[in-house]
Amino acid sequence: MNIIEILKEVGRGKRGARDLNYAEAETAAELIMTRSATPAQIGAFFAAERIKMESVAELEAFVNVCRKYSHRFPCRKALISPVRTTVGSHHLLLPSQLPFYLPHTDYL
């Protein structure tokens, strides 16, 4: 399935569009993350998804593909010192090592 076929499925408006299954959503995410789709096609896809509303399978597929193309780097030192804070009557200690993600793309 290519991006044009995917756009035909999700771009029919709120009532006419159908949710993509996991495999179709995974294909769409791969096409977007590898930049096989044009910027106009990517924008059209996300606009159509916003109108249609994303399904759980679509979100899951996109998260998994984004994780595949991302590198996780653990923070060796805290970006901000550990902070003890009070929320209501609860005391919280924020962790000193927070993981962060950087997308694996060459246009950052």
C-alpha atoms as a PDB file:
ATOM      1  CA  MET A   1       0.000   0.000   0.000  1.00  0.00           C
ATOM      2  CA  ASN A   2       1.395   3.419  -0.916  1.00  0.00           C
ATOM      3  CA  ILE A   3       0.693   6.830   0.602  1.00  0.00           C
ATOM      4  CA  ILE A   4      -1.888   7.729  -2.069  1.00  0.00           C
ATOM      5  CA  GLU A   5      -3.977   4.643  -1.273  1.00  0.00           C
ATOM      6  CA  ILE A   6      -3.677   5.418   2.439  1.00  0.00           C
ATOM      7  CA  LEU A   7      -4.780   9.020   1.850  1.00  0.00           C
ATOM      8  CA  LYS A   8      -7.833   7.775  -0.055  1.00  0.00           C
ATOM      9  CA  GLU A   9      -8.877   5.756   3.003  1.00  0.00           C
ATOM     10  CA  VAL A  10      -8.359   8.409   5.692  1.00  0.00           C
ATOM     11  CA  GLY A  11      -9.154  11.485   3.623  1.00  0.00           C
ATOM     12  CA  ARG A  12     -12.887  10.987   3.109  1.00  0.00           C
ATOM     13  CA  GLY A  13     -14.031  13.204   5.943  1.00  0.00           C
ATOM     14  CA  LYS A  14     -15.123  12.389   9.475  1.00  0.00           C
ATOM     15  CA  ARG A  15     -17.937  10.017   8.486  1.00  0.00           C
ATOM     16  CA  GLY A  16     -16.570   8.579   5.224  1.00  0.00           C
ATOM     17  CA  ALA A  17     -13.043   7.742   6.344  1.00  0.00           C
ATOM     18  CA  ARG A  18     -12.145   4.447   7.908  1.00  0.00           C
ATOM     19  CA  ASP A  19      -9.537   3.625  10.520  1.00  0.00           C
ATOM     20  CA  LEU A  20      -6.359   2.018   9.280  1.00  0.00           C
ATOM     21  CA  ASN A  21      -5.445  -1.366  10.683  1.00  0.00           C
ATOM     22  CA  TYR A  22      -2.086  -1.775  12.403  1.00  0.00           C
ATOM     23  CA  ALA A  23      -0.232  -2.905   9.261  1.00  0.00           C
ATOM     24  CA  GLU A  24      -1.585  -0.020   7.156  1.00  0.00           C
ATOM     25  CA  ALA A  25      -0.758   2.520   9.853  1.00  0.00           C
ATOM     26  CA  GLU A  26       2.710   1.018  10.204  1.00  0.00           C
ATOM     27  CA  THR A  27       3.218   1.397   6.451  1.00  0.00           C
ATOM     28  CA  ALA A  28       2.082   5.024   6.630  1.00  0.00           C
ATOM     29  CA  ALA A  29       4.444   5.724   9.511  1.00  0.00           C
ATOM     30  CA  GLU A  30       7.348   4.064   7.668  1.00  0.00           C
ATOM     31  CA  LEU A  31       6.659   6.166   4.558  1.00  0.00           C
ATOM     32  CA  ILE A  32       6.611   9.316   6.690  1.00  0.00           C
ATOM     33  CA  MET A  33       9.675   8.516   8.789  1.00  0.00           C
ATOM     34  CA  THR A  34      11.760   7.487   5.764  1.00  0.00           C
ATOM     35  CA  ARG A  35      10.563  10.570   3.858  1.00  0.00           C
ATOM     36  CA  SER A  36       9.241   8.422   1.011  1.00  0.00           C
ATOM     37  CA  ALA A  37       6.101  10.572   1.099  1.00  0.00           C
ATOM     38  CA  THR A  38       6.258  14.210   0.032  1.00  0.00           C
ATOM     39  CA  PRO A  39       5.769  16.982   2.596  1.00  0.00           C
ATOM     40  CA  ALA A  40       2.355  17.726   1.022  1.00  0.00           C
ATOM     41  CA  GLN A  41       1.301  14.080   1.391  1.00  0.00           C
ATOM     42  CA  ILE A  42       2.507  13.985   4.992  1.00  0.00           C
ATOM     43  CA  GLY A  43       0.590  17.164   5.794  1.00  0.00           C
ATOM     44  CA  ALA A  44      -2.539  15.831   4.090  1.00  0.00           C
ATOM     45  CA  PHE A  45      -2.275  12.582   6.034  1.00  0.00           C
ATOM     46  CA  PHE A  46      -1.995  14.297   9.412  1.00  0.00           C
ATOM     47  CA  ALA A  47      -4.794  16.747   8.587  1.00  0.00           C
ATOM     48  CA  ALA A  48      -7.057  13.856   7.564  1.00  0.00           C
ATOM     49  CA  GLU A  49      -6.151  11.902  10.702  1.00  0.00           C
ATOM     50  CA  ARG A  50      -6.956  14.943  12.836  1.00  0.00           C
ATOM     51  CA  ILE A  51     -10.387  15.266  11.241  1.00  0.00           C
ATOM     52  CA  LYS A  52     -11.096  11.526  11.383  1.00  0.00           C
ATOM     53  CA  MET A  53      -9.568  11.055  14.862  1.00  0.00           C
ATOM     54  CA  GLU A  54      -6.826   8.492  15.366  1.00  0.00           C
ATOM     55  CA  SER A  55      -7.586   4.903  16.344  1.00  0.00           C
ATOM     56  CA  VAL A  56      -5.685   2.967  18.981  1.00  0.00           C
ATOM     57  CA  ALA A  57      -4.107   0.714  16.322  1.00  0.00           C
ATOM     58  CA  GLU A  58      -2.937   3.753  14.354  1.00  0.00           C
ATOM     59  CA  LEU A  59      -1.397   5.381  17.412  1.00  0.00           C
ATOM     60  CA  GLU A  60       0.281   2.145  18.459  1.00  0.00           C
ATOM     61  CA  ALA A  61       1.789   1.649  14.998  1.00  0.00           C
ATOM     62  CA  PHE A  62       3.094   5.217  14.862  1.00  0.00           C
ATOM     63  CA  VAL A  63       4.622   4.993  18.340  1.00  0.00           C
ATOM     64  CA  ASN A  64       6.378   1.728  17.458  1.00  0.00           C
ATOM     65  CA  VAL A  65       7.752   3.074  14.175  1.00  0.00           C
ATOM     66  CA  CYS A  66       8.893   6.313  15.827  1.00  0.00           C
ATOM     67  CA  ARG A  67      10.687   4.276  18.493  1.00  0.00           C
ATOM     68  CA  LYS A  68      12.323   2.231  15.744  1.00  0.00           C
ATOM     69  CA  TYR A  69      13.757   5.391  14.152  1.00  0.00           C
ATOM     70  CA  SER A  70      14.760   7.048  17.438  1.00  0.00           C
ATOM     71  CA  HIS A  71      17.798   6.606  19.603  1.00  0.00           C
ATOM     72  CA  ARG A  72      17.368   6.627  23.371  1.00  0.00           C
ATOM     73  CA  PHE A  73      20.117   8.311  25.311  1.00  0.00           C
ATOM     74  CA  PRO A  74      20.041   8.100  29.101  1.00  0.00           C
ATOM     75  CA  CYS A  75      21.021  11.256  30.924  1.00  0.00           C
ATOM     76  CA  ARG A  76      24.163  10.664  32.924  1.00  0.00           C
ATOM     77  CA  LYS A  77      23.632  13.769  34.996  1.00  0.00           C
ATOM     78  CA  ALA A  78      20.392  15.437  35.801  1.00  0.00           C
ATOM     79  CA  LEU A  79      19.465  18.329  33.585  1.00  0.00           C
ATOM     80  CA  ILE A  80      17.950  19.827  36.692  1.00  0.00           C
ATOM     81  CA  SER A  81      18.996  18.789  40.163  1.00  0.00           C
ATOM     82  CA  PRO A  82      16.617  16.411  41.904  1.00  0.00           C
ATOM     83  CA  VAL A  83      13.830  18.466  43.348  1.00  0.00           C
ATOM     84  CA  ARG A  84      11.652  17.712  46.304  1.00  0.00           C
ATOM     85  CA  THR A  85       8.301  19.315  45.786  1.00  0.00           C
ATOM     86  CA  THR A  86       4.933  19.271  47.430  1.00  0.00           C
ATOM     87  CA  VAL A  87       1.800  18.605  45.429  1.00  0.00           C
ATOM     88  CA  GLY A  88      -1.184  18.985  47.674  1.00  0.00           C
ATOM     89  CA  SER A  89      -0.212  17.042  50.775  1.00  0.00           C
ATOM     90  CA  HIS A  90       2.123  14.663  48.903  1.00  0.00           C
ATOM     91  CA  HIS A  91       5.896  15.033  48.728  1.00  0.00           C
ATOM     92  CA  LEU A  92       7.503  14.046  45.432  1.00  0.00           C
ATOM     93  CA  LEU A  93      11.160  13.491  44.629  1.00  0.00           C
ATOM     94  CA  LEU A  94      11.752  13.945  40.919  1.00  0.00           C
ATOM     95  CA  PRO A  95      14.237  11.465  39.407  1.00  0.00           C
ATOM     96  CA  SER A  96      17.769  12.573  38.684  1.00  0.00           C
ATOM     97  CA  GLN A  97      18.149  10.430  35.561  1.00  0.00           C
ATOM     98  CA  LEU A  98      15.494  11.128  32.966  1.00  0.00           C
ATOM     99  CA  PRO A  99      15.782   9.370  29.594  1.00  0.00           C
ATOM    100  CA  PHE A 100      15.242  11.428  26.473  1.00  0.00           C
ATOM    101  CA  TYR A 101      14.766  10.609  22.814  1.00  0.00           C
ATOM    102  CA  LEU A 102      16.345  12.095  19.723  1.00  0.00           C
ATOM    103  CA  PRO A 103      14.846  11.299  16.339  1.00  0.00           C
ATOM    104  CA  HIS A 104      17.271   9.554  13.997  1.00  0.00           C
ATOM    105  CA  THR A 105      16.993  11.972  11.100  1.00  0.00           C
ATOM    106  CA  ASP A 106      19.502  14.142   9.331  1.00  0.00           C
ATOM    107  CA  TYR A 107      17.376  17.288   9.264  1.00  0.00           C
ATOM    108  CA  LEU A 108      17.688  18.202  12.934  1.00  0.00           C
END
